[in-house]
């Protein structure tokens, strides 16, 4: 049985990886041949953010509502400040995910140009 803290660590580590990756991409020259690869990496990073946010939300719901089948009681009544901090982190994670989806769409449009809108 995995401890609930593992999912919190996954959320934090995934967001750290995405932050470092995003920072490094800022320094990629415009003329680089790696931009098509960056689109693939952007897709992978978006999936990483989605999975980490999903895991964190699932664990947060168990913390908030408990699980009668497993005998886990809700904890937000005892530690409301902790639950507020978790809620804030999840909202920030959702905002980051939404921004990254827009970034992914922009990357696909800019690099791959799927609708062939550019005139040669």
PDB file of N, CA and C in Angstrom:
ATOM      1  N   UNK A   1       0.853  -1.183   0.000  1.00  0.00           N
ATOM      2  CA  UNK A   1       0.000   0.000   0.000  1.00  0.00           C
ATOM      3  C   UNK A   1       0.893   1.238   0.000  1.00  0.00           C
ATOM      4  N   UNK A   2       0.622   2.120  -0.957  1.00  0.00           N
ATOM      5  CA  UNK A   2       1.414   3.344  -1.055  1.00  0.00           C
ATOM      6  C   UNK A   2       0.897   4.379  -0.069  1.00  0.00           C
ATOM      7  N   UNK A   3       1.787   5.129   0.468  1.00  0.00           N
ATOM      8  CA  UNK A   3       1.440   6.198   1.394  1.00  0.00           C
ATOM      9  C   UNK A   3       0.927   7.392   0.589  1.00  0.00           C
ATOM     10  N   UNK A   4      -0.025   8.147   1.121  1.00  0.00           N
ATOM     11  CA  UNK A   4      -0.621   9.274   0.402  1.00  0.00           C
ATOM     12  C   UNK A   4       0.406  10.327   0.026  1.00  0.00           C
ATOM     13  N   UNK A   5       1.484  10.423   0.786  1.00  0.00           N
ATOM     14  CA  UNK A   5       2.499  11.452   0.559  1.00  0.00           C
ATOM     15  C   UNK A   5       3.212  11.270  -0.784  1.00  0.00           C
ATOM     16  N   UNK A   6       3.224  10.039  -1.283  1.00  0.00           N
ATOM     17  CA  UNK A   6       3.876   9.766  -2.567  1.00  0.00           C
ATOM     18  C   UNK A   6       3.225  10.588  -3.677  1.00  0.00           C
ATOM     19  N   UNK A   7       1.902  10.709  -3.649  1.00  0.00           N
ATOM     20  CA  UNK A   7       1.203  11.455  -4.688  1.00  0.00           C
ATOM     21  C   UNK A   7       1.488  12.945  -4.586  1.00  0.00           C
ATOM     22  N   UNK A   8       1.630  13.451  -3.379  1.00  0.00           N
ATOM     23  CA  UNK A   8       2.004  14.849  -3.200  1.00  0.00           C
ATOM     24  C   UNK A   8       3.398  15.120  -3.734  1.00  0.00           C
ATOM     25  N   UNK A   9       4.294  14.197  -3.479  1.00  0.00           N
ATOM     26  CA  UNK A   9       5.664  14.333  -4.011  1.00  0.00           C
ATOM     27  C   UNK A   9       5.648  14.291  -5.536  1.00  0.00           C
ATOM     28  N   UNK A  10       4.844  13.398  -6.089  1.00  0.00           N
ATOM     29  CA  UNK A  10       4.737  13.294  -7.548  1.00  0.00           C
ATOM     30  C   UNK A  10       4.262  14.623  -8.130  1.00  0.00           C
ATOM     31  N   UNK A  11       3.279  15.245  -7.503  1.00  0.00           N
ATOM     32  CA  UNK A  11       2.761  16.535  -7.955  1.00  0.00           C
ATOM     33  C   UNK A  11       3.859  17.596  -7.928  1.00  0.00           C
ATOM     34  N   UNK A  12       4.599  17.661  -6.844  1.00  0.00           N
ATOM     35  CA  UNK A  12       5.655  18.669  -6.696  1.00  0.00           C
ATOM     36  C   UNK A  12       6.803  18.402  -7.668  1.00  0.00           C
ATOM     37  N   UNK A  13       7.238  17.153  -7.760  1.00  0.00           N
ATOM     38  CA  UNK A  13       8.357  16.813  -8.645  1.00  0.00           C
ATOM     39  C   UNK A  13       7.978  17.029 -10.103  1.00  0.00           C
ATOM     40  N   UNK A  14       6.763  16.641 -10.487  1.00  0.00           N
ATOM     41  CA  UNK A  14       6.320  16.848 -11.869  1.00  0.00           C
ATOM     42  C   UNK A  14       6.300  18.333 -12.208  1.00  0.00           C
ATOM     43  N   UNK A  15       5.802  19.157 -11.305  1.00  0.00           N
ATOM     44  CA  UNK A  15       5.782  20.596 -11.560  1.00  0.00           C
ATOM     45  C   UNK A  15       7.188  21.180 -11.604  1.00  0.00           C
ATOM     46  N   UNK A  16       8.096  20.649 -10.812  1.00  0.00           N
ATOM     47  CA  UNK A  16       9.490  21.104 -10.860  1.00  0.00           C
ATOM     48  C   UNK A  16      10.130  20.740 -12.198  1.00  0.00           C
ATOM     49  N   UNK A  17       9.878  19.529 -12.675  1.00  0.00           N
ATOM     50  CA  UNK A  17      10.417  19.100 -13.972  1.00  0.00           C
ATOM     51  C   UNK A  17       9.889  20.002 -15.081  1.00  0.00           C
ATOM     52  N   UNK A  18       8.601  20.280 -15.057  1.00  0.00           N
ATOM     53  CA  UNK A  18       7.992  21.139 -16.073  1.00  0.00           C
ATOM     54  C   UNK A  18       8.584  22.544 -16.010  1.00  0.00           C
ATOM     55  N   UNK A  19       8.803  23.051 -14.823  1.00  0.00           N
ATOM     56  CA  UNK A  19       9.378  24.392 -14.679  1.00  0.00           C
ATOM     57  C   UNK A  19      10.791  24.462 -15.244  1.00  0.00           C
ATOM     58  N   UNK A  20      11.607  23.473 -14.921  1.00  0.00           N
ATOM     59  CA  UNK A  20      12.985  23.447 -15.434  1.00  0.00           C
ATOM     60  C   UNK A  20      12.983  23.305 -16.951  1.00  0.00           C
ATOM     61  N   UNK A  21      12.158  22.408 -17.470  1.00  0.00           N
ATOM     62  CA  UNK A  21      12.059  22.225 -18.923  1.00  0.00           C
ATOM     63  C   UNK A  21      11.643  23.535 -19.599  1.00  0.00           C
ATOM     64  N   UNK A  22      10.626  24.189 -19.062  1.00  0.00           N
ATOM     65  CA  UNK A  22      10.141  25.440 -19.652  1.00  0.00           C
ATOM     66  C   UNK A  22      11.215  26.519 -19.628  1.00  0.00           C
ATOM     67  N   UNK A  23      11.964  26.576 -18.545  1.00  0.00           N
ATOM     68  CA  UNK A  23      13.048  27.552 -18.446  1.00  0.00           C
ATOM     69  C   UNK A  23      14.129  27.273 -19.489  1.00  0.00           C
ATOM     70  N   UNK A  24      14.482  26.007 -19.682  1.00  0.00           N
ATOM     71  CA  UNK A  24      15.523  25.660 -20.651  1.00  0.00           C
ATOM     72  C   UNK A  24      15.087  25.942 -22.085  1.00  0.00           C
ATOM     73  N   UNK A  25      13.816  25.735 -22.386  1.00  0.00           N
ATOM     74  CA  UNK A  25      13.318  25.982 -23.743  1.00  0.00           C
ATOM     75  C   UNK A  25      13.398  27.468 -24.090  1.00  0.00           C
ATOM     76  N   UNK A  26      13.347  28.320 -23.083  1.00  0.00           N
ATOM     77  CA  UNK A  26      13.460  29.760 -23.337  1.00  0.00           C
ATOM     78  C   UNK A  26      14.769  30.120 -24.034  1.00  0.00           C
ATOM     79  N   UNK A  27      15.808  29.329 -23.803  1.00  0.00           N
ATOM     80  CA  UNK A  27      17.126  29.638 -24.350  1.00  0.00           C
ATOM     81  C   UNK A  27      17.408  28.934 -25.673  1.00  0.00           C
ATOM     82  N   UNK A  28      16.433  28.228 -26.209  1.00  0.00           N
ATOM     83  CA  UNK A  28      16.610  27.538 -27.486  1.00  0.00           C
ATOM     84  C   UNK A  28      16.530  28.566 -28.614  1.00  0.00           C
ATOM     85  N   UNK A  29      17.554  28.628 -29.469  1.00  0.00           N
ATOM     86  CA  UNK A  29      17.544  29.622 -30.551  1.00  0.00           C
ATOM     87  C   UNK A  29      16.372  29.397 -31.514  1.00  0.00           C
ATOM     88  N   UNK A  30      15.891  30.481 -32.076  1.00  0.00           N
ATOM     89  CA  UNK A  30      14.751  30.430 -32.987  1.00  0.00           C
ATOM     90  C   UNK A  30      15.054  29.584 -34.227  1.00  0.00           C
ATOM     91  N   UNK A  31      16.298  29.568 -34.644  1.00  0.00           N
ATOM     92  CA  UNK A  31      16.694  28.846 -35.851  1.00  0.00           C
ATOM     93  C   UNK A  31      16.992  27.371 -35.597  1.00  0.00           C
ATOM     94  N   UNK A  32      16.886  26.933 -34.379  1.00  0.00           N
ATOM     95  CA  UNK A  32      17.249  25.560 -34.019  1.00  0.00           C
ATOM     96  C   UNK A  32      16.355  24.539 -34.716  1.00  0.00           C
ATOM     97  N   UNK A  33      16.959  23.402 -35.016  1.00  0.00           N
ATOM     98  CA  UNK A  33      16.211  22.303 -35.622  1.00  0.00           C
ATOM     99  C   UNK A  33      15.465  21.477 -34.582  1.00  0.00           C
ATOM    100  N   UNK A  34      15.627  21.823 -33.324  1.00  0.00           N
ATOM    101  CA  UNK A  34      14.999  21.063 -32.244  1.00  0.00           C
ATOM    102  C   UNK A  34      13.552  21.456 -31.980  1.00  0.00           C
ATOM    103  N   UNK A  35      13.024  22.458 -32.660  1.00  0.00           N
ATOM    104  CA  UNK A  35      11.693  22.945 -32.330  1.00  0.00           C
ATOM    105  C   UNK A  35      10.599  21.912 -32.568  1.00  0.00           C
ATOM    106  N   UNK A  36      10.759  21.068 -33.588  1.00  0.00           N
ATOM    107  CA  UNK A  36       9.753  20.011 -33.800  1.00  0.00           C
ATOM    108  C   UNK A  36       9.808  18.996 -32.663  1.00  0.00           C
ATOM    109  N   UNK A  37      10.994  18.760 -32.145  1.00  0.00           N
ATOM    110  CA  UNK A  37      11.134  17.873 -30.990  1.00  0.00           C
ATOM    111  C   UNK A  37      10.532  18.528 -29.744  1.00  0.00           C
ATOM    112  N   UNK A  38      10.636  19.842 -29.660  1.00  0.00           N
ATOM    113  CA  UNK A  38      10.064  20.572 -28.530  1.00  0.00           C
ATOM    114  C   UNK A  38       8.545  20.401 -28.502  1.00  0.00           C
ATOM    115  N   UNK A  39       7.909  20.336 -29.662  1.00  0.00           N
ATOM    116  CA  UNK A  39       6.459  20.116 -29.698  1.00  0.00           C
ATOM    117  C   UNK A  39       6.120  18.770 -29.068  1.00  0.00           C
ATOM    118  N   UNK A  40       6.904  17.750 -29.378  1.00  0.00           N
ATOM    119  CA  UNK A  40       6.685  16.427 -28.785  1.00  0.00           C
ATOM    120  C   UNK A  40       6.917  16.490 -27.274  1.00  0.00           C
ATOM    121  N   UNK A  41       7.978  17.167 -26.864  1.00  0.00           N
ATOM    122  CA  UNK A  41       8.245  17.311 -25.429  1.00  0.00           C
ATOM    123  C   UNK A  41       7.153  18.124 -24.733  1.00  0.00           C
ATOM    124  N   UNK A  42       6.631  19.145 -25.409  1.00  0.00           N
ATOM    125  CA  UNK A  42       5.525  19.916 -24.830  1.00  0.00           C
ATOM    126  C   UNK A  42       4.307  19.029 -24.595  1.00  0.00           C
ATOM    127  N   UNK A  43       4.035  18.139 -25.529  1.00  0.00           N
ATOM    128  CA  UNK A  43       2.924  17.205 -25.360  1.00  0.00           C
ATOM    129  C   UNK A  43       3.167  16.288 -24.168  1.00  0.00           C
ATOM    130  N   UNK A  44       4.389  15.778 -24.047  1.00  0.00           N
ATOM    131  CA  UNK A  44       4.716  14.901 -22.922  1.00  0.00           C
ATOM    132  C   UNK A  44       4.626  15.647 -21.589  1.00  0.00           C
ATOM    133  N   UNK A  45       5.083  16.874 -21.573  1.00  0.00           N
ATOM    134  CA  UNK A  45       5.040  17.678 -20.355  1.00  0.00           C
ATOM    135  C   UNK A  45       3.588  17.971 -19.970  1.00  0.00           C
ATOM    136  N   UNK A  46       2.747  18.236 -20.958  1.00  0.00           N
ATOM    137  CA  UNK A  46       1.327  18.467 -20.681  1.00  0.00           C
ATOM    138  C   UNK A  46       0.688  17.216 -20.092  1.00  0.00           C
ATOM    139  N   UNK A  47       1.044  16.054 -20.611  1.00  0.00           N
ATOM    140  CA  UNK A  47       0.518  14.804 -20.053  1.00  0.00           C
ATOM    141  C   UNK A  47       1.042  14.579 -18.639  1.00  0.00           C
ATOM    142  N   UNK A  48       2.295  14.931 -18.384  1.00  0.00           N
ATOM    143  CA  UNK A  48       2.857  14.807 -17.038  1.00  0.00           C
ATOM    144  C   UNK A  48       2.106  15.709 -16.053  1.00  0.00           C
ATOM    145  N   UNK A  49       1.846  16.944 -16.464  1.00  0.00           N
ATOM    146  CA  UNK A  49       1.083  17.857 -15.606  1.00  0.00           C
ATOM    147  C   UNK A  49      -0.325  17.323 -15.341  1.00  0.00           C
ATOM    148  N   UNK A  50      -0.956  16.788 -16.378  1.00  0.00           N
ATOM    149  CA  UNK A  50      -2.307  16.251 -16.225  1.00  0.00           C
ATOM    150  C   UNK A  50      -2.334  15.088 -15.246  1.00  0.00           C
ATOM    151  N   UNK A  51      -1.387  14.174 -15.391  1.00  0.00           N
ATOM    152  CA  UNK A  51      -1.382  13.003 -14.506  1.00  0.00           C
ATOM    153  C   UNK A  51      -1.047  13.386 -13.067  1.00  0.00           C
ATOM    154  N   UNK A  52      -0.121  14.318 -12.883  1.00  0.00           N
ATOM    155  CA  UNK A  52       0.225  14.707 -11.509  1.00  0.00           C
ATOM    156  C   UNK A  52      -0.919  15.459 -10.841  1.00  0.00           C
ATOM    157  N   UNK A  53      -1.598  16.306 -11.597  1.00  0.00           N
ATOM    158  CA  UNK A  53      -2.739  17.029 -11.035  1.00  0.00           C
ATOM    159  C   UNK A  53      -3.877  16.061 -10.710  1.00  0.00           C
ATOM    160  N   UNK A  54      -4.103  15.088 -11.571  1.00  0.00           N
ATOM    161  CA  UNK A  54      -5.153  14.096 -11.322  1.00  0.00           C
ATOM    162  C   UNK A  54      -4.876  13.297 -10.057  1.00  0.00           C
ATOM    163  N   UNK A  55      -3.645  12.869  -9.887  1.00  0.00           N
ATOM    164  CA  UNK A  55      -3.288  12.105  -8.687  1.00  0.00           C
ATOM    165  C   UNK A  55      -3.439  12.959  -7.429  1.00  0.00           C
ATOM    166  N   UNK A  56      -3.005  14.203  -7.509  1.00  0.00           N
ATOM    167  CA  UNK A  56      -3.100  15.086  -6.342  1.00  0.00           C
ATOM    168  C   UNK A  56      -4.554  15.396  -5.992  1.00  0.00           C
ATOM    169  N   UNK A  57      -5.402  15.594  -7.003  1.00  0.00           N
ATOM    170  CA  UNK A  57      -6.818  15.857  -6.744  1.00  0.00           C
ATOM    171  C   UNK A  57      -7.480  14.632  -6.117  1.00  0.00           C
ATOM    172  N   UNK A  58      -7.133  13.447  -6.598  1.00  0.00           N
ATOM    173  CA  UNK A  58      -7.714  12.221  -6.032  1.00  0.00           C
ATOM    174  C   UNK A  58      -7.365  12.079  -4.553  1.00  0.00           C
ATOM    175  N   UNK A  59      -6.117  12.313  -4.215  1.00  0.00           N
ATOM    176  CA  UNK A  59      -5.694  12.204  -2.816  1.00  0.00           C
ATOM    177  C   UNK A  59      -6.327  13.318  -1.979  1.00  0.00           C
ATOM    178  N   UNK A  60      -6.444  14.513  -2.552  1.00  0.00           N
ATOM    179  CA  UNK A  60      -7.064  15.622  -1.824  1.00  0.00           C
ATOM    180  C   UNK A  60      -8.534  15.325  -1.521  1.00  0.00           C
ATOM    181  N   UNK A  61      -9.205  14.686  -2.458  1.00  0.00           N
ATOM    182  CA  UNK A  61     -10.612  14.332  -2.218  1.00  0.00           C
ATOM    183  C   UNK A  61     -10.752  13.318  -1.092  1.00  0.00           C
ATOM    184  N   UNK A  62      -9.842  12.369  -1.033  1.00  0.00           N
ATOM    185  CA  UNK A  62      -9.866  11.403   0.074  1.00  0.00           C
ATOM    186  C   UNK A  62      -9.593  12.126   1.388  1.00  0.00           C
ATOM    187  N   UNK A  63      -8.672  13.072   1.378  1.00  0.00           N
ATOM    188  CA  UNK A  63      -8.395  13.838   2.590  1.00  0.00           C
ATOM    189  C   UNK A  63      -9.570  14.692   3.015  1.00  0.00           C
ATOM    190  N   UNK A  64     -10.289  15.226   2.042  1.00  0.00           N
ATOM    191  CA  UNK A  64     -11.413  16.104   2.350  1.00  0.00           C
ATOM    192  C   UNK A  64     -12.650  15.317   2.778  1.00  0.00           C
ATOM    193  N   UNK A  65     -12.954  14.250   2.046  1.00  0.00           N
ATOM    194  CA  UNK A  65     -14.196  13.515   2.300  1.00  0.00           C
ATOM    195  C   UNK A  65     -14.001  12.204   3.042  1.00  0.00           C
ATOM    196  N   UNK A  66     -12.762  11.721   3.078  1.00  0.00           N
ATOM    197  CA  UNK A  66     -12.514  10.423   3.694  1.00  0.00           C
ATOM    198  C   UNK A  66     -12.919   9.295   2.758  1.00  0.00           C
ATOM    199  N   UNK A  67     -12.786   8.071   3.252  1.00  0.00           N
ATOM    200  CA  UNK A  67     -13.194   6.891   2.495  1.00  0.00           C
ATOM    201  C   UNK A  67     -13.733   5.882   3.499  1.00  0.00           C
ATOM    202  N   UNK A  68     -15.046   5.759   3.542  1.00  0.00           N
ATOM    203  CA  UNK A  68     -15.685   4.881   4.526  1.00  0.00           C
ATOM    204  C   UNK A  68     -15.300   3.423   4.311  1.00  0.00           C
ATOM    205  N   UNK A  69     -15.120   3.010   3.065  1.00  0.00           N
ATOM    206  CA  UNK A  69     -14.761   1.617   2.777  1.00  0.00           C
ATOM    207  C   UNK A  69     -13.398   1.250   3.345  1.00  0.00           C
ATOM    208  N   UNK A  70     -12.470   2.199   3.303  1.00  0.00           N
ATOM    209  CA  UNK A  70     -11.125   1.940   3.815  1.00  0.00           C
ATOM    210  C   UNK A  70     -10.987   2.335   5.286  1.00  0.00           C
ATOM    211  N   UNK A  71     -11.998   2.980   5.832  1.00  0.00           N
ATOM    212  CA  UNK A  71     -11.930   3.411   7.227  1.00  0.00           C
ATOM    213  C   UNK A  71     -11.138   4.691   7.421  1.00  0.00           C
ATOM    214  N   UNK A  72     -10.988   5.484   6.354  1.00  0.00           N
ATOM    215  CA  UNK A  72     -10.249   6.741   6.455  1.00  0.00           C
ATOM    216  C   UNK A  72     -11.227   7.867   6.737  1.00  0.00           C
ATOM    217  N   UNK A  73     -10.932   8.634   7.747  1.00  0.00           N
ATOM    218  CA  UNK A  73     -11.784   9.752   8.128  1.00  0.00           C
ATOM    219  C   UNK A  73     -11.337  11.023   7.411  1.00  0.00           C
ATOM    220  N   UNK A  74     -12.257  11.949   7.164  1.00  0.00           N
ATOM    221  CA  UNK A  74     -11.859  13.237   6.589  1.00  0.00           C
ATOM    222  C   UNK A  74     -10.952  13.994   7.564  1.00  0.00           C
ATOM    223  N   UNK A  75      -9.970  14.723   7.028  1.00  0.00           N
ATOM    224  CA  UNK A  75      -9.018  15.421   7.902  1.00  0.00           C
ATOM    225  C   UNK A  75      -9.177  16.931   7.882  1.00  0.00           C
ATOM    226  N   UNK A  76      -9.969  17.454   6.956  1.00  0.00           N
ATOM    227  CA  UNK A  76     -10.052  18.918   6.832  1.00  0.00           C
ATOM    228  C   UNK A  76     -10.679  19.577   8.049  1.00  0.00           C
ATOM    229  N   UNK A  77     -11.492  18.849   8.801  1.00  0.00           N
ATOM    230  CA  UNK A  77     -12.053  19.407  10.025  1.00  0.00           C
ATOM    231  C   UNK A  77     -10.993  19.632  11.090  1.00  0.00           C
ATOM    232  N   UNK A  78      -9.970  18.784  11.112  1.00  0.00           N
ATOM    233  CA  UNK A  78      -8.908  18.896  12.114  1.00  0.00           C
ATOM    234  C   UNK A  78      -7.804  19.864  11.688  1.00  0.00           C
ATOM    235  N   UNK A  79      -7.520  19.924  10.403  1.00  0.00           N
ATOM    236  CA  UNK A  79      -6.423  20.770   9.909  1.00  0.00           C
ATOM    237  C   UNK A  79      -6.897  21.603   8.708  1.00  0.00           C
ATOM    238  N   UNK A  80      -7.764  22.583   8.943  1.00  0.00           N
ATOM    239  CA  UNK A  80      -8.317  23.351   7.821  1.00  0.00           C
ATOM    240  C   UNK A  80      -7.272  24.177   7.073  1.00  0.00           C
ATOM    241  N   UNK A  81      -6.253  24.648   7.773  1.00  0.00           N
ATOM    242  CA  UNK A  81      -5.221  25.450   7.089  1.00  0.00           C
ATOM    243  C   UNK A  81      -4.460  24.593   6.075  1.00  0.00           C
ATOM    244  N   UNK A  82      -4.162  23.359   6.450  1.00  0.00           N
ATOM    245  CA  UNK A  82      -3.494  22.430   5.535  1.00  0.00           C
ATOM    246  C   UNK A  82      -4.359  22.210   4.299  1.00  0.00           C
ATOM    247  N   UNK A  83      -5.645  22.001   4.495  1.00  0.00           N
ATOM    248  CA  UNK A  83      -6.548  21.771   3.368  1.00  0.00           C
ATOM    249  C   UNK A  83      -6.652  23.005   2.480  1.00  0.00           C
ATOM    250  N   UNK A  84      -6.608  24.189   3.077  1.00  0.00           N
ATOM    251  CA  UNK A  84      -6.621  25.421   2.288  1.00  0.00           C
ATOM    252  C   UNK A  84      -5.358  25.543   1.442  1.00  0.00           C
ATOM    253  N   UNK A  85      -4.219  25.168   2.007  1.00  0.00           N
ATOM    254  CA  UNK A  85      -2.966  25.207   1.251  1.00  0.00           C
ATOM    255  C   UNK A  85      -2.989  24.206   0.101  1.00  0.00           C
ATOM    256  N   UNK A  86      -3.537  23.025   0.355  1.00  0.00           N
ATOM    257  CA  UNK A  86      -3.652  22.018  -0.704  1.00  0.00           C
ATOM    258  C   UNK A  86      -4.567  22.529  -1.815  1.00  0.00           C
ATOM    259  N   UNK A  87      -5.675  23.144  -1.429  1.00  0.00           N
ATOM    260  CA  UNK A  87      -6.600  23.697  -2.427  1.00  0.00           C
ATOM    261  C   UNK A  87      -5.907  24.763  -3.268  1.00  0.00           C
ATOM    262  N   UNK A  88      -5.134  25.624  -2.638  1.00  0.00           N
ATOM    263  CA  UNK A  88      -4.388  26.642  -3.371  1.00  0.00           C
ATOM    264  C   UNK A  88      -3.387  26.040  -4.341  1.00  0.00           C
ATOM    265  N   UNK A  89      -2.695  24.998  -3.905  1.00  0.00           N
ATOM    266  CA  UNK A  89      -1.726  24.334  -4.779  1.00  0.00           C
ATOM    267  C   UNK A  89      -2.424  23.675  -5.964  1.00  0.00           C
ATOM    268  N   UNK A  90      -3.573  23.077  -5.718  1.00  0.00           N
ATOM    269  CA  UNK A  90      -4.306  22.429  -6.808  1.00  0.00           C
ATOM    270  C   UNK A  90      -4.852  23.453  -7.801  1.00  0.00           C
ATOM    271  N   UNK A  91      -5.306  24.590  -7.310  1.00  0.00           N
ATOM    272  CA  UNK A  91      -5.771  25.648  -8.215  1.00  0.00           C
ATOM    273  C   UNK A  91      -4.611  26.171  -9.055  1.00  0.00           C
ATOM    274  N   UNK A  92      -3.459  26.384  -8.427  1.00  0.00           N
ATOM    275  CA  UNK A  92      -2.276  26.826  -9.177  1.00  0.00           C
ATOM    276  C   UNK A  92      -1.867  25.775 -10.204  1.00  0.00           C
ATOM    277  N   UNK A  93      -1.958  24.501  -9.835  1.00  0.00           N
ATOM    278  CA  UNK A  93      -1.647  23.430 -10.774  1.00  0.00           C
ATOM    279  C   UNK A  93      -2.606  23.401 -11.948  1.00  0.00           C
ATOM    280  N   UNK A  94      -3.883  23.661 -11.692  1.00  0.00           N
ATOM    281  CA  UNK A  94      -4.873  23.696 -12.770  1.00  0.00           C
ATOM    282  C   UNK A  94      -4.618  24.870 -13.707  1.00  0.00           C
ATOM    283  N   UNK A  95      -4.285  26.022 -13.148  1.00  0.00           N
ATOM    284  CA  UNK A  95      -3.955  27.183 -13.979  1.00  0.00           C
ATOM    285  C   UNK A  95      -2.733  26.874 -14.843  1.00  0.00           C
ATOM    286  N   UNK A  96      -1.718  26.244 -14.251  1.00  0.00           N
ATOM    287  CA  UNK A  96      -0.520  25.873 -15.012  1.00  0.00           C
ATOM    288  C   UNK A  96      -0.871  24.906 -16.134  1.00  0.00           C
ATOM    289  N   UNK A  97      -1.730  23.948 -15.856  1.00  0.00           N
ATOM    290  CA  UNK A  97      -2.132  22.987 -16.885  1.00  0.00           C
ATOM    291  C   UNK A  97      -2.868  23.682 -18.021  1.00  0.00           C
ATOM    292  N   UNK A  98      -3.785  24.571 -17.701  1.00  0.00           N
ATOM    293  CA  UNK A  98      -4.521  25.295 -18.744  1.00  0.00           C
ATOM    294  C   UNK A  98      -3.568  26.129 -19.591  1.00  0.00           C
ATOM    295  N   UNK A  99      -2.636  26.824 -18.945  1.00  0.00           N
ATOM    296  CA  UNK A  99      -1.656  27.615 -19.694  1.00  0.00           C
ATOM    297  C   UNK A  99      -0.790  26.727 -20.578  1.00  0.00           C
ATOM    298  N   UNK A 100      -0.419  25.554 -20.072  1.00  0.00           N
ATOM    299  CA  UNK A 100       0.422  24.659 -20.862  1.00  0.00           C
ATOM    300  C   UNK A 100      -0.337  24.075 -22.045  1.00  0.00           C
ATOM    301  N   UNK A 101      -1.634  23.854 -21.907  1.00  0.00           N
ATOM    302  CA  UNK A 101      -2.431  23.385 -23.048  1.00  0.00           C
ATOM    303  C   UNK A 101      -2.452  24.460 -24.134  1.00  0.00           C
ATOM    304  N   UNK A 102      -2.643  25.723 -23.735  1.00  0.00           N
ATOM    305  CA  UNK A 102      -2.585  26.806 -24.715  1.00  0.00           C
ATOM    306  C   UNK A 102      -1.199  26.900 -25.350  1.00  0.00           C
ATOM    307  N   UNK A 103      -0.162  26.729 -24.562  1.00  0.00           N
ATOM    308  CA  UNK A 103       1.200  26.741 -25.084  1.00  0.00           C
ATOM    309  C   UNK A 103       1.411  25.601 -26.070  1.00  0.00           C
ATOM    310  N   UNK A 104       0.880  24.438 -25.764  1.00  0.00           N
ATOM    311  CA  UNK A 104       0.994  23.291 -26.666  1.00  0.00           C
ATOM    312  C   UNK A 104       0.296  23.578 -27.990  1.00  0.00           C
ATOM    313  N   UNK A 105      -0.900  24.128 -27.936  1.00  0.00           N
ATOM    314  CA  UNK A 105      -1.629  24.465 -29.166  1.00  0.00           C
ATOM    315  C   UNK A 105      -0.849  25.491 -29.977  1.00  0.00           C
ATOM    316  N   UNK A 106      -0.295  26.486 -29.307  1.00  0.00           N
ATOM    317  CA  UNK A 106       0.508  27.488 -30.002  1.00  0.00           C
ATOM    318  C   UNK A 106       1.757  26.857 -30.617  1.00  0.00           C
ATOM    319  N   UNK A 107       2.415  25.955 -29.888  1.00  0.00           N
ATOM    320  CA  UNK A 107       3.613  25.283 -30.408  1.00  0.00           C
ATOM    321  C   UNK A 107       3.286  24.465 -31.645  1.00  0.00           C
ATOM    322  N   UNK A 108       2.201  23.735 -31.575  1.00  0.00           N
ATOM    323  CA  UNK A 108       1.810  22.923 -32.731  1.00  0.00           C
ATOM    324  C   UNK A 108       1.527  23.819 -33.926  1.00  0.00           C
ATOM    325  N   UNK A 109       0.810  24.889 -33.700  1.00  0.00           N
ATOM    326  CA  UNK A 109       0.482  25.793 -34.802  1.00  0.00           C
ATOM    327  C   UNK A 109       1.729  26.473 -35.367  1.00  0.00           C
ATOM    328  N   UNK A 110       2.635  26.890 -34.503  1.00  0.00           N
ATOM    329  CA  UNK A 110       3.824  27.616 -34.951  1.00  0.00           C
ATOM    330  C   UNK A 110       4.841  26.732 -35.646  1.00  0.00           C
ATOM    331  N   UNK A 111       5.030  25.534 -35.133  1.00  0.00           N
ATOM    332  CA  UNK A 111       6.109  24.688 -35.645  1.00  0.00           C
ATOM    333  C   UNK A 111       5.616  23.736 -36.726  1.00  0.00           C
ATOM    334  N   UNK A 112       4.525  23.086 -36.484  1.00  0.00           N
ATOM    335  CA  UNK A 112       4.055  22.068 -37.418  1.00  0.00           C
ATOM    336  C   UNK A 112       3.124  22.671 -38.464  1.00  0.00           C
ATOM    337  N   UNK A 113       2.396  23.720 -38.109  1.00  0.00           N
ATOM    338  CA  UNK A 113       1.444  24.383 -38.990  1.00  0.00           C
ATOM    339  C   UNK A 113       0.487  23.365 -39.616  1.00  0.00           C
ATOM    340  N   UNK A 114      -0.379  22.753 -38.795  1.00  0.00           N
ATOM    341  CA  UNK A 114      -1.222  21.665 -39.276  1.00  0.00           C
ATOM    342  C   UNK A 114      -2.242  22.072 -40.328  1.00  0.00           C
ATOM    343  N   UNK A 115      -2.611  23.327 -40.394  1.00  0.00           N
ATOM    344  CA  UNK A 115      -3.617  23.747 -41.364  1.00  0.00           C
ATOM    345  C   UNK A 115      -3.003  24.335 -42.629  1.00  0.00           C
ATOM    346  N   UNK A 116      -1.693  24.309 -42.698  1.00  0.00           N
ATOM    347  CA  UNK A 116      -0.958  24.815 -43.857  1.00  0.00           C
ATOM    348  C   UNK A 116      -1.395  26.235 -44.222  1.00  0.00           C
ATOM    349  N   UNK A 117      -1.420  27.087 -43.234  1.00  0.00           N
ATOM    350  CA  UNK A 117      -1.859  28.459 -43.444  1.00  0.00           C
ATOM    351  C   UNK A 117      -0.756  29.361 -43.990  1.00  0.00           C
ATOM    352  N   UNK A 118       0.478  28.938 -43.818  1.00  0.00           N
ATOM    353  CA  UNK A 118       1.588  29.760 -44.313  1.00  0.00           C
ATOM    354  C   UNK A 118       1.680  29.638 -45.830  1.00  0.00           C
ATOM    355  N   UNK A 119       1.927  30.761 -46.451  1.00  0.00           N
ATOM    356  CA  UNK A 119       2.114  30.746 -47.902  1.00  0.00           C
ATOM    357  C   UNK A 119       3.599  30.653 -48.193  1.00  0.00           C
ATOM    358  N   UNK A 120       3.951  29.764 -49.094  1.00  0.00           N
ATOM    359  CA  UNK A 120       5.368  29.557 -49.412  1.00  0.00           C
ATOM    360  C   UNK A 120       5.867  30.592 -50.371  1.00  0.00           C
TER     361      UNK A 120
END
